[in-house]
């Protein structure tokens, strides 16, 4: 079973930073198909940041200027650098590998809690 593995979540104070990592099996790694999503309690899962097919990046308005998605093809890993964190950023963060035909690949999620 293909598994994406997120790490790097935790508890951080408002204004703080975290860097999330997503390890992707080499057999399915494709940087321009990767993205980060999040889901807060009682809310729908939403896009945070992604690489587009053209290789550019796309961010949710709520995180633009604070979060940065990046990747390392040599390590088959995608990152999400999160700065100036706010309590409303608290959620479970998921890594996703888009699939054109069939089901997308998802990780198990990592919890991010922003609280003083």
C-alpha atoms as a PDB file:
ATOM      1  CA  UNK A   1       0.000   0.000   0.000  1.00  0.00           C
ATOM      2  CA  UNK A   2       1.355   3.367  -1.027  1.00  0.00           C
ATOM      3  CA  UNK A   3       1.882   5.642   1.948  1.00  0.00           C
ATOM      4  CA  UNK A   4       2.802   9.290   2.243  1.00  0.00           C
ATOM      5  CA  UNK A   5       4.222  10.180   5.645  1.00  0.00           C
ATOM      6  CA  UNK A   6       3.891  13.653   7.125  1.00  0.00           C
ATOM      7  CA  UNK A   7       5.931  14.897  10.056  1.00  0.00           C
ATOM      8  CA  UNK A   8       6.862  18.115  11.803  1.00  0.00           C
ATOM      9  CA  UNK A   9       3.588  19.074  13.399  1.00  0.00           C
ATOM     10  CA  UNK A  10       3.246  20.149  16.998  1.00  0.00           C
ATOM     11  CA  UNK A  11       2.272  22.890  19.382  1.00  0.00           C
ATOM     12  CA  UNK A  12       3.537  26.384  18.644  1.00  0.00           C
ATOM     13  CA  UNK A  13       2.751  29.848  19.967  1.00  0.00           C
ATOM     14  CA  UNK A  14       1.087  32.459  17.783  1.00  0.00           C
ATOM     15  CA  UNK A  15       3.684  34.127  15.613  1.00  0.00           C
ATOM     16  CA  UNK A  16       5.860  31.047  15.631  1.00  0.00           C
ATOM     17  CA  UNK A  17       7.041  28.795  12.815  1.00  0.00           C
ATOM     18  CA  UNK A  18       6.930  25.135  11.888  1.00  0.00           C
ATOM     19  CA  UNK A  19       8.180  23.159   8.934  1.00  0.00           C
ATOM     20  CA  UNK A  20       6.189  20.155   7.821  1.00  0.00           C
ATOM     21  CA  UNK A  21       7.704  17.369   5.766  1.00  0.00           C
ATOM     22  CA  UNK A  22       6.053  14.773   3.572  1.00  0.00           C
ATOM     23  CA  UNK A  23       8.030  11.715   2.558  1.00  0.00           C
ATOM     24  CA  UNK A  24       6.718  10.232  -0.678  1.00  0.00           C
ATOM     25  CA  UNK A  25       7.540   6.804  -2.108  1.00  0.00           C
ATOM     26  CA  UNK A  26       9.901   7.211  -5.029  1.00  0.00           C
ATOM     27  CA  UNK A  27       7.580   5.224  -7.272  1.00  0.00           C
ATOM     28  CA  UNK A  28       4.924   7.940  -7.142  1.00  0.00           C
ATOM     29  CA  UNK A  29       6.913  11.099  -6.399  1.00  0.00           C
ATOM     30  CA  UNK A  30       6.211  13.900  -8.841  1.00  0.00           C
ATOM     31  CA  UNK A  31       6.833  17.385  -7.550  1.00  0.00           C
ATOM     32  CA  UNK A  32       4.294  19.148  -9.751  1.00  0.00           C
ATOM     33  CA  UNK A  33       1.552  16.862  -8.456  1.00  0.00           C
ATOM     34  CA  UNK A  34       2.096  17.540  -4.755  1.00  0.00           C
ATOM     35  CA  UNK A  35       0.109  19.669  -2.380  1.00  0.00           C
ATOM     36  CA  UNK A  36      -0.728  20.363   1.238  1.00  0.00           C
ATOM     37  CA  UNK A  37      -4.233  20.445   2.657  1.00  0.00           C
ATOM     38  CA  UNK A  38      -5.629  20.975   6.131  1.00  0.00           C
ATOM     39  CA  UNK A  39      -8.751  20.158   8.055  1.00  0.00           C
ATOM     40  CA  UNK A  40      -9.870  21.822  11.248  1.00  0.00           C
ATOM     41  CA  UNK A  41     -12.510  20.251  13.516  1.00  0.00           C
ATOM     42  CA  UNK A  42     -15.978  20.651  12.050  1.00  0.00           C
ATOM     43  CA  UNK A  43     -14.664  22.077   8.784  1.00  0.00           C
ATOM     44  CA  UNK A  44     -14.051  20.707   5.335  1.00  0.00           C
ATOM     45  CA  UNK A  45     -10.590  19.820   4.174  1.00  0.00           C
ATOM     46  CA  UNK A  46      -9.104  22.744   2.272  1.00  0.00           C
ATOM     47  CA  UNK A  47      -6.169  23.420   0.014  1.00  0.00           C
ATOM     48  CA  UNK A  48      -3.243  25.190   1.675  1.00  0.00           C
ATOM     49  CA  UNK A  49      -0.572  25.108  -1.008  1.00  0.00           C
ATOM     50  CA  UNK A  50       0.299  23.116  -4.068  1.00  0.00           C
ATOM     51  CA  UNK A  51       2.574  22.802  -7.043  1.00  0.00           C
ATOM     52  CA  UNK A  52       0.680  23.162 -10.285  1.00  0.00           C
ATOM     53  CA  UNK A  53       1.215  20.987 -13.332  1.00  0.00           C
ATOM     54  CA  UNK A  54       3.136  23.835 -14.892  1.00  0.00           C
ATOM     55  CA  UNK A  55       5.518  23.850 -11.944  1.00  0.00           C
ATOM     56  CA  UNK A  56       4.350  27.049 -10.321  1.00  0.00           C
ATOM     57  CA  UNK A  57       2.807  27.295  -6.871  1.00  0.00           C
ATOM     58  CA  UNK A  58      -0.670  28.069  -5.663  1.00  0.00           C
ATOM     59  CA  UNK A  59      -1.619  29.191  -2.146  1.00  0.00           C
ATOM     60  CA  UNK A  60      -4.806  29.708  -0.222  1.00  0.00           C
ATOM     61  CA  UNK A  61      -5.384  33.412   0.351  1.00  0.00           C
ATOM     62  CA  UNK A  62      -5.333  32.894   4.098  1.00  0.00           C
ATOM     63  CA  UNK A  63      -1.734  31.653   4.053  1.00  0.00           C
ATOM     64  CA  UNK A  64      -0.226  33.602   1.172  1.00  0.00           C
ATOM     65  CA  UNK A  65       2.900  35.414   2.240  1.00  0.00           C
ATOM     66  CA  UNK A  66       3.260  33.289   5.385  1.00  0.00           C
ATOM     67  CA  UNK A  67       3.565  29.722   4.083  1.00  0.00           C
ATOM     68  CA  UNK A  68       5.935  28.346   1.474  1.00  0.00           C
ATOM     69  CA  UNK A  69       5.755  25.008  -0.287  1.00  0.00           C
ATOM     70  CA  UNK A  70       8.973  23.475  -1.535  1.00  0.00           C
ATOM     71  CA  UNK A  71      10.316  20.119  -2.527  1.00  0.00           C
ATOM     72  CA  UNK A  72      13.462  18.079  -2.814  1.00  0.00           C
ATOM     73  CA  UNK A  73      13.290  15.600  -5.698  1.00  0.00           C
ATOM     74  CA  UNK A  74      16.491  13.902  -4.576  1.00  0.00           C
ATOM     75  CA  UNK A  75      14.830  13.068  -1.253  1.00  0.00           C
ATOM     76  CA  UNK A  76      11.299  12.532  -2.605  1.00  0.00           C
ATOM     77  CA  UNK A  77      10.115  14.982   0.013  1.00  0.00           C
ATOM     78  CA  UNK A  78       7.797  17.966  -0.002  1.00  0.00           C
ATOM     79  CA  UNK A  79       7.909  20.657   2.662  1.00  0.00           C
ATOM     80  CA  UNK A  80       5.595  23.310   4.003  1.00  0.00           C
ATOM     81  CA  UNK A  81       7.318  26.164   5.805  1.00  0.00           C
ATOM     82  CA  UNK A  82       4.788  27.941   7.993  1.00  0.00           C
ATOM     83  CA  UNK A  83       5.667  31.320   9.484  1.00  0.00           C
ATOM     84  CA  UNK A  84       3.697  33.865  11.489  1.00  0.00           C
ATOM     85  CA  UNK A  85       1.322  31.162  12.584  1.00  0.00           C
ATOM     86  CA  UNK A  86      -2.114  32.094  13.854  1.00  0.00           C
ATOM     87  CA  UNK A  87      -4.577  30.160  16.017  1.00  0.00           C
ATOM     88  CA  UNK A  88      -6.811  29.751  12.961  1.00  0.00           C
ATOM     89  CA  UNK A  89      -4.015  27.753  11.304  1.00  0.00           C
ATOM     90  CA  UNK A  90      -4.607  24.970  13.816  1.00  0.00           C
ATOM     91  CA  UNK A  91      -5.650  21.840  11.955  1.00  0.00           C
ATOM     92  CA  UNK A  92      -4.521  18.444  10.808  1.00  0.00           C
ATOM     93  CA  UNK A  93      -2.271  18.974   7.806  1.00  0.00           C
ATOM     94  CA  UNK A  94      -2.256  16.421   5.007  1.00  0.00           C
ATOM     95  CA  UNK A  95       0.037  15.843   2.102  1.00  0.00           C
ATOM     96  CA  UNK A  96      -1.522  14.817  -1.212  1.00  0.00           C
ATOM     97  CA  UNK A  97      -0.215  13.456  -4.459  1.00  0.00           C
ATOM     98  CA  UNK A  98      -2.704  14.247  -7.219  1.00  0.00           C
ATOM     99  CA  UNK A  99      -3.573  11.492  -9.616  1.00  0.00           C
ATOM    100  CA  UNK A 100      -5.057  12.307 -13.015  1.00  0.00           C
ATOM    101  CA  UNK A 101      -7.015   9.078 -13.251  1.00  0.00           C
ATOM    102  CA  UNK A 102      -7.991   7.233 -10.108  1.00  0.00           C
ATOM    103  CA  UNK A 103      -7.742   8.054  -6.435  1.00  0.00           C
ATOM    104  CA  UNK A 104      -5.322  10.626  -5.066  1.00  0.00           C
ATOM    105  CA  UNK A 105      -2.706   9.509  -2.560  1.00  0.00           C
ATOM    106  CA  UNK A 106      -2.956  10.990   0.926  1.00  0.00           C
ATOM    107  CA  UNK A 107      -0.860  10.857   4.045  1.00  0.00           C
ATOM    108  CA  UNK A 108      -2.189  10.185   7.521  1.00  0.00           C
ATOM    109  CA  UNK A 109      -1.873  13.811   8.596  1.00  0.00           C
ATOM    110  CA  UNK A 110       0.068  15.713  11.214  1.00  0.00           C
ATOM    111  CA  UNK A 111      -1.509  17.901  13.884  1.00  0.00           C
ATOM    112  CA  UNK A 112      -0.607  21.573  14.087  1.00  0.00           C
ATOM    113  CA  UNK A 113      -1.841  23.502  17.101  1.00  0.00           C
ATOM    114  CA  UNK A 114      -1.235  27.219  17.435  1.00  0.00           C
ATOM    115  CA  UNK A 115      -1.960  28.378  20.950  1.00  0.00           C
ATOM    116  CA  UNK A 116      -0.475  30.410  23.749  1.00  0.00           C
END
